[in-house]
Amino acid sequence: SYIEYLNELKLKHGENLLVTTELSVDEIAQQCAFASATYFIRRFKSYYGSTPVAYKKLHSAEEILP
């Protein structure tokens, strides 16, 4: 549906902001037009399988490894 497509775009933008900036989850949720950080976290976990903070830590660890 259109709503799911829009949410997917917003989540992908949020994922990009997570790994390329030092913005907080609250700031990312606002920039991606989610109603709240809680809703963003819930949707992010459903889509990516982990919380935004865990995802960022995992991605940062991968960047450091050779």
PDB file of N, CA and C in Angstrom:
ATOM      1  N   SER A   1       0.832  -1.183   0.000  1.00  0.00           N
ATOM      2  CA  SER A   1       0.000   0.000   0.000  1.00  0.00           C
ATOM      3  C   SER A   1       0.882   1.254   0.000  1.00  0.00           C
ATOM      4  N   TYR A   2       0.264   2.369  -0.268  1.00  0.00           N
ATOM      5  CA  TYR A   2       0.987   3.641  -0.312  1.00  0.00           C
ATOM      6  C   TYR A   2       1.603   3.969   1.042  1.00  0.00           C
ATOM      7  N   ILE A   3       0.889   3.724   2.121  1.00  0.00           N
ATOM      8  CA  ILE A   3       1.392   4.039   3.466  1.00  0.00           C
ATOM      9  C   ILE A   3       2.622   3.188   3.780  1.00  0.00           C
ATOM     10  N   GLU A   4       2.575   1.917   3.450  1.00  0.00           N
ATOM     11  CA  GLU A   4       3.721   1.048   3.692  1.00  0.00           C
ATOM     12  C   GLU A   4       4.928   1.496   2.871  1.00  0.00           C
ATOM     13  N   TYR A   5       4.695   1.881   1.630  1.00  0.00           N
ATOM     14  CA  TYR A   5       5.771   2.366   0.771  1.00  0.00           C
ATOM     15  C   TYR A   5       6.393   3.629   1.366  1.00  0.00           C
ATOM     16  N   LEU A   6       5.559   4.544   1.818  1.00  0.00           N
ATOM     17  CA  LEU A   6       6.039   5.781   2.425  1.00  0.00           C
ATOM     18  C   LEU A   6       6.845   5.492   3.691  1.00  0.00           C
ATOM     19  N   ASN A   7       6.338   4.591   4.532  1.00  0.00           N
ATOM     20  CA  ASN A   7       7.068   4.221   5.743  1.00  0.00           C
ATOM     21  C   ASN A   7       8.404   3.579   5.409  1.00  0.00           C
ATOM     22  N   GLU A   8       8.449   2.772   4.356  1.00  0.00           N
ATOM     23  CA  GLU A   8       9.697   2.140   3.942  1.00  0.00           C
ATOM     24  C   GLU A   8      10.720   3.201   3.519  1.00  0.00           C
ATOM     25  N   LEU A   9      10.275   4.190   2.766  1.00  0.00           N
ATOM     26  CA  LEU A   9      11.174   5.278   2.368  1.00  0.00           C
ATOM     27  C   LEU A   9      11.690   6.038   3.585  1.00  0.00           C
ATOM     28  N   LYS A  10      10.802   6.321   4.519  1.00  0.00           N
ATOM     29  CA  LYS A  10      11.188   7.041   5.729  1.00  0.00           C
ATOM     30  C   LYS A  10      12.186   6.229   6.556  1.00  0.00           C
ATOM     31  N   LEU A  11      11.962   4.916   6.646  1.00  0.00           N
ATOM     32  CA  LEU A  11      12.873   4.060   7.398  1.00  0.00           C
ATOM     33  C   LEU A  11      14.243   3.990   6.735  1.00  0.00           C
ATOM     34  N   LYS A  12      14.274   3.904   5.414  1.00  0.00           N
ATOM     35  CA  LYS A  12      15.557   3.865   4.712  1.00  0.00           C
ATOM     36  C   LYS A  12      16.322   5.173   4.891  1.00  0.00           C
ATOM     37  N   HIS A  13      15.596   6.275   4.889  1.00  0.00           N
ATOM     38  CA  HIS A  13      16.239   7.568   5.153  1.00  0.00           C
ATOM     39  C   HIS A  13      16.775   7.597   6.586  1.00  0.00           C
ATOM     40  N   GLY A  14      15.989   7.083   7.520  1.00  0.00           N
ATOM     41  CA  GLY A  14      16.420   7.019   8.917  1.00  0.00           C
ATOM     42  C   GLY A  14      17.652   6.147   9.087  1.00  0.00           C
ATOM     43  N   GLU A  15      17.684   5.035   8.383  1.00  0.00           N
ATOM     44  CA  GLU A  15      18.838   4.135   8.447  1.00  0.00           C
ATOM     45  C   GLU A  15      20.073   4.848   7.915  1.00  0.00           C
ATOM     46  N   ASN A  16      19.916   5.585   6.845  1.00  0.00           N
ATOM     47  CA  ASN A  16      21.037   6.335   6.277  1.00  0.00           C
ATOM     48  C   ASN A  16      21.540   7.387   7.269  1.00  0.00           C
ATOM     49  N   LEU A  17      20.623   8.101   7.888  1.00  0.00           N
ATOM     50  CA  LEU A  17      21.025   9.102   8.880  1.00  0.00           C
ATOM     51  C   LEU A  17      21.722   8.453  10.071  1.00  0.00           C
ATOM     52  N   LEU A  18      21.248   7.282  10.470  1.00  0.00           N
ATOM     53  CA  LEU A  18      21.846   6.571  11.607  1.00  0.00           C
ATOM     54  C   LEU A  18      23.321   6.276  11.371  1.00  0.00           C
ATOM     55  N   VAL A  19      23.636   5.787  10.191  1.00  0.00           N
ATOM     56  CA  VAL A  19      25.002   5.333   9.943  1.00  0.00           C
ATOM     57  C   VAL A  19      25.924   6.431   9.405  1.00  0.00           C
ATOM     58  N   THR A  20      25.361   7.557   8.983  1.00  0.00           N
ATOM     59  CA  THR A  20      26.205   8.604   8.402  1.00  0.00           C
ATOM     60  C   THR A  20      26.281   9.870   9.244  1.00  0.00           C
ATOM     61  N   THR A  21      25.507   9.945  10.325  1.00  0.00           N
ATOM     62  CA  THR A  21      25.521  11.135  11.172  1.00  0.00           C
ATOM     63  C   THR A  21      25.628  10.738  12.635  1.00  0.00           C
ATOM     64  N   GLU A  22      25.780  11.720  13.465  1.00  0.00           N
ATOM     65  CA  GLU A  22      25.787  11.504  14.917  1.00  0.00           C
ATOM     66  C   GLU A  22      24.474  11.974  15.552  1.00  0.00           C
ATOM     67  N   LEU A  23      23.424  12.110  14.744  1.00  0.00           N
ATOM     68  CA  LEU A  23      22.131  12.539  15.267  1.00  0.00           C
ATOM     69  C   LEU A  23      21.575  11.502  16.233  1.00  0.00           C
ATOM     70  N   SER A  24      20.800  11.967  17.204  1.00  0.00           N
ATOM     71  CA  SER A  24      20.151  11.053  18.137  1.00  0.00           C
ATOM     72  C   SER A  24      18.960  10.394  17.454  1.00  0.00           C
ATOM     73  N   VAL A  25      18.471   9.341  18.050  1.00  0.00           N
ATOM     74  CA  VAL A  25      17.296   8.645  17.518  1.00  0.00           C
ATOM     75  C   VAL A  25      16.100   9.601  17.498  1.00  0.00           C
ATOM     76  N   ASP A  26      15.966  10.432  18.514  1.00  0.00           N
ATOM     77  CA  ASP A  26      14.878  11.418  18.542  1.00  0.00           C
ATOM     78  C   ASP A  26      14.966  12.375  17.359  1.00  0.00           C
ATOM     79  N   GLU A  27      16.167  12.880  17.099  1.00  0.00           N
ATOM     80  CA  GLU A  27      16.354  13.808  15.984  1.00  0.00           C
ATOM     81  C   GLU A  27      16.080  13.136  14.640  1.00  0.00           C
ATOM     82  N   ILE A  28      16.514  11.891  14.506  1.00  0.00           N
ATOM     83  CA  ILE A  28      16.278  11.159  13.260  1.00  0.00           C
ATOM     84  C   ILE A  28      14.790  10.922  13.059  1.00  0.00           C
ATOM     85  N   ALA A  29      14.099  10.528  14.118  1.00  0.00           N
ATOM     86  CA  ALA A  29      12.654  10.308  14.028  1.00  0.00           C
ATOM     87  C   ALA A  29      11.947  11.584  13.573  1.00  0.00           C
ATOM     88  N   GLN A  30      12.358  12.726  14.109  1.00  0.00           N
ATOM     89  CA  GLN A  30      11.766  14.004  13.710  1.00  0.00           C
ATOM     90  C   GLN A  30      12.068  14.315  12.255  1.00  0.00           C
ATOM     91  N   GLN A  31      13.317  14.145  11.840  1.00  0.00           N
ATOM     92  CA  GLN A  31      13.698  14.453  10.462  1.00  0.00           C
ATOM     93  C   GLN A  31      13.018  13.538   9.453  1.00  0.00           C
ATOM     94  N   CYS A  32      12.662  12.339   9.888  1.00  0.00           N
ATOM     95  CA  CYS A  32      12.002  11.384   8.989  1.00  0.00           C
ATOM     96  C   CYS A  32      10.481  11.455   9.094  1.00  0.00           C
ATOM     97  N   ALA A  33       9.977  12.424   9.828  1.00  0.00           N
ATOM     98  CA  ALA A  33       8.541  12.695   9.955  1.00  0.00           C
ATOM     99  C   ALA A  33       7.761  11.571  10.623  1.00  0.00           C
ATOM    100  N   PHE A  34       8.376  10.927  11.617  1.00  0.00           N
ATOM    101  CA  PHE A  34       7.632   9.962  12.427  1.00  0.00           C
ATOM    102  C   PHE A  34       6.977  10.720  13.575  1.00  0.00           C
ATOM    103  N   ALA A  35       5.840  10.251  14.015  1.00  0.00           N
ATOM    104  CA  ALA A  35       5.076  10.931  15.057  1.00  0.00           C
ATOM    105  C   ALA A  35       5.840  10.990  16.379  1.00  0.00           C
ATOM    106  N   SER A  36       6.660   9.968  16.636  1.00  0.00           N
ATOM    107  CA  SER A  36       7.445   9.936  17.867  1.00  0.00           C
ATOM    108  C   SER A  36       8.650   9.037  17.669  1.00  0.00           C
ATOM    109  N   ALA A  37       9.630   9.197  18.536  1.00  0.00           N
ATOM    110  CA  ALA A  37      10.806   8.331  18.493  1.00  0.00           C
ATOM    111  C   ALA A  37      10.416   6.891  18.808  1.00  0.00           C
ATOM    112  N   THR A  38       9.457   6.716  19.697  1.00  0.00           N
ATOM    113  CA  THR A  38       8.995   5.374  20.057  1.00  0.00           C
ATOM    114  C   THR A  38       8.426   4.647  18.845  1.00  0.00           C
ATOM    115  N   TYR A  39       7.625   5.340  18.068  1.00  0.00           N
ATOM    116  CA  TYR A  39       7.038   4.739  16.867  1.00  0.00           C
ATOM    117  C   TYR A  39       8.137   4.434  15.842  1.00  0.00           C
ATOM    118  N   PHE A  40       9.092   5.345  15.693  1.00  0.00           N
ATOM    119  CA  PHE A  40      10.207   5.110  14.779  1.00  0.00           C
ATOM    120  C   PHE A  40      10.974   3.864  15.198  1.00  0.00           C
ATOM    121  N   ILE A  41      11.293   3.741  16.480  1.00  0.00           N
ATOM    122  CA  ILE A  41      12.040   2.590  16.984  1.00  0.00           C
ATOM    123  C   ILE A  41      11.278   1.301  16.719  1.00  0.00           C
ATOM    124  N   ARG A  42       9.981   1.307  16.987  1.00  0.00           N
ATOM    125  CA  ARG A  42       9.146   0.118  16.769  1.00  0.00           C
ATOM    126  C   ARG A  42       9.148  -0.289  15.296  1.00  0.00           C
ATOM    127  N   ARG A  43       8.949   0.681  14.407  1.00  0.00           N
ATOM    128  CA  ARG A  43       8.931   0.393  12.964  1.00  0.00           C
ATOM    129  C   ARG A  43      10.315  -0.045  12.479  1.00  0.00           C
ATOM    130  N   PHE A  44      11.364   0.614  12.972  1.00  0.00           N
ATOM    131  CA  PHE A  44      12.731   0.283  12.575  1.00  0.00           C
ATOM    132  C   PHE A  44      13.051  -1.164  12.960  1.00  0.00           C
ATOM    133  N   LYS A  45      12.712  -1.538  14.180  1.00  0.00           N
ATOM    134  CA  LYS A  45      12.979  -2.897  14.653  1.00  0.00           C
ATOM    135  C   LYS A  45      12.214  -3.924  13.831  1.00  0.00           C
ATOM    136  N   SER A  46      10.992  -3.604  13.494  1.00  0.00           N
ATOM    137  CA  SER A  46      10.182  -4.512  12.676  1.00  0.00           C
ATOM    138  C   SER A  46      10.791  -4.685  11.284  1.00  0.00           C
ATOM    139  N   TYR A  47      11.316  -3.612  10.718  1.00  0.00           N
ATOM    140  CA  TYR A  47      11.841  -3.640   9.356  1.00  0.00           C
ATOM    141  C   TYR A  47      13.263  -4.197   9.287  1.00  0.00           C
ATOM    142  N   TYR A  48      14.131  -3.765  10.208  1.00  0.00           N
ATOM    143  CA  TYR A  48      15.548  -4.147  10.166  1.00  0.00           C
ATOM    144  C   TYR A  48      15.925  -5.273  11.126  1.00  0.00           C
ATOM    145  N   GLY A  49      15.053  -5.616  12.053  1.00  0.00           N
ATOM    146  CA  GLY A  49      15.326  -6.726  12.961  1.00  0.00           C
ATOM    147  C   GLY A  49      16.146  -6.355  14.187  1.00  0.00           C
ATOM    148  N   SER A  50      16.434  -5.077  14.368  1.00  0.00           N
ATOM    149  CA  SER A  50      17.129  -4.633  15.573  1.00  0.00           C
ATOM    150  C   SER A  50      16.757  -3.186  15.844  1.00  0.00           C
ATOM    151  N   THR A  51      17.040  -2.747  17.041  1.00  0.00           N
ATOM    152  CA  THR A  51      16.751  -1.352  17.379  1.00  0.00           C
ATOM    153  C   THR A  51      17.723  -0.441  16.636  1.00  0.00           C
ATOM    154  N   PRO A  52      17.384   0.821  16.480  1.00  0.00           N
ATOM    155  CA  PRO A  52      18.305   1.741  15.812  1.00  0.00           C
ATOM    156  C   PRO A  52      19.678   1.811  16.480  1.00  0.00           C
ATOM    157  N   VAL A  53      19.718   1.836  17.800  1.00  0.00           N
ATOM    158  CA  VAL A  53      20.996   1.925  18.514  1.00  0.00           C
ATOM    159  C   VAL A  53      21.840   0.677  18.262  1.00  0.00           C
ATOM    160  N   ALA A  54      21.230  -0.506  18.342  1.00  0.00           N
ATOM    161  CA  ALA A  54      21.959  -1.751  18.088  1.00  0.00           C
ATOM    162  C   ALA A  54      22.426  -1.810  16.638  1.00  0.00           C
ATOM    163  N   TYR A  55      21.593  -1.349  15.727  1.00  0.00           N
ATOM    164  CA  TYR A  55      21.947  -1.335  14.308  1.00  0.00           C
ATOM    165  C   TYR A  55      23.158  -0.435  14.073  1.00  0.00           C
ATOM    166  N   LYS A  56      23.151   0.730  14.693  1.00  0.00           N
ATOM    167  CA  LYS A  56      24.267   1.668  14.542  1.00  0.00           C
ATOM    168  C   LYS A  56      25.554   1.074  15.108  1.00  0.00           C
ATOM    169  N   LYS A  57      25.471   0.441  16.276  1.00  0.00           N
ATOM    170  CA  LYS A  57      26.653  -0.174  16.884  1.00  0.00           C
ATOM    171  C   LYS A  57      27.200  -1.279  15.992  1.00  0.00           C
ATOM    172  N   LEU A  58      26.339  -2.099  15.450  1.00  0.00           N
ATOM    173  CA  LEU A  58      26.757  -3.186  14.577  1.00  0.00           C
ATOM    174  C   LEU A  58      27.408  -2.629  13.316  1.00  0.00           C
ATOM    175  N   HIS A  59      26.784  -1.631  12.734  1.00  0.00           N
ATOM    176  CA  HIS A  59      27.322  -1.041  11.514  1.00  0.00           C
ATOM    177  C   HIS A  59      28.666  -0.363  11.791  1.00  0.00           C
ATOM    178  N   SER A  60      28.786   0.304  12.911  1.00  0.00           N
ATOM    179  CA  SER A  60      30.039   0.975  13.259  1.00  0.00           C
ATOM    180  C   SER A  60      31.149  -0.056  13.472  1.00  0.00           C
ATOM    181  N   ALA A  61      30.816  -1.187  14.074  1.00  0.00           N
ATOM    182  CA  ALA A  61      31.804  -2.251  14.298  1.00  0.00           C
ATOM    183  C   ALA A  61      32.281  -2.816  12.964  1.00  0.00           C
ATOM    184  N   GLU A  62      31.381  -2.946  11.994  1.00  0.00           N
ATOM    185  CA  GLU A  62      31.761  -3.461  10.671  1.00  0.00           C
ATOM    186  C   GLU A  62      32.697  -2.496   9.969  1.00  0.00           C
ATOM    187  N   GLU A  63      32.500  -1.196  10.144  1.00  0.00           N
ATOM    188  CA  GLU A  63      33.334  -0.194   9.493  1.00  0.00           C
ATOM    189  C   GLU A  63      34.758  -0.226  10.015  1.00  0.00           C
ATOM    190  N   ILE A  64      34.940  -0.568  11.280  1.00  0.00           N
ATOM    191  CA  ILE A  64      36.260  -0.559  11.898  1.00  0.00           C
ATOM    192  C   ILE A  64      37.073  -1.783  11.463  1.00  0.00           C
ATOM    193  N   LEU A  65      36.412  -2.908  11.260  1.00  0.00           N
ATOM    194  CA  LEU A  65      37.114  -4.135  10.872  1.00  0.00           C
ATOM    195  C   LEU A  65      37.722  -3.998   9.472  1.00  0.00           C
ATOM    196  N   PRO A  66      38.900  -4.603   9.268  1.00  0.00           N
ATOM    197  CA  PRO A  66      39.547  -4.532   7.941  1.00  0.00           C
ATOM    198  C   PRO A  66      38.813  -5.357   6.900  1.00  0.00           C
TER     199      PRO A  66
END
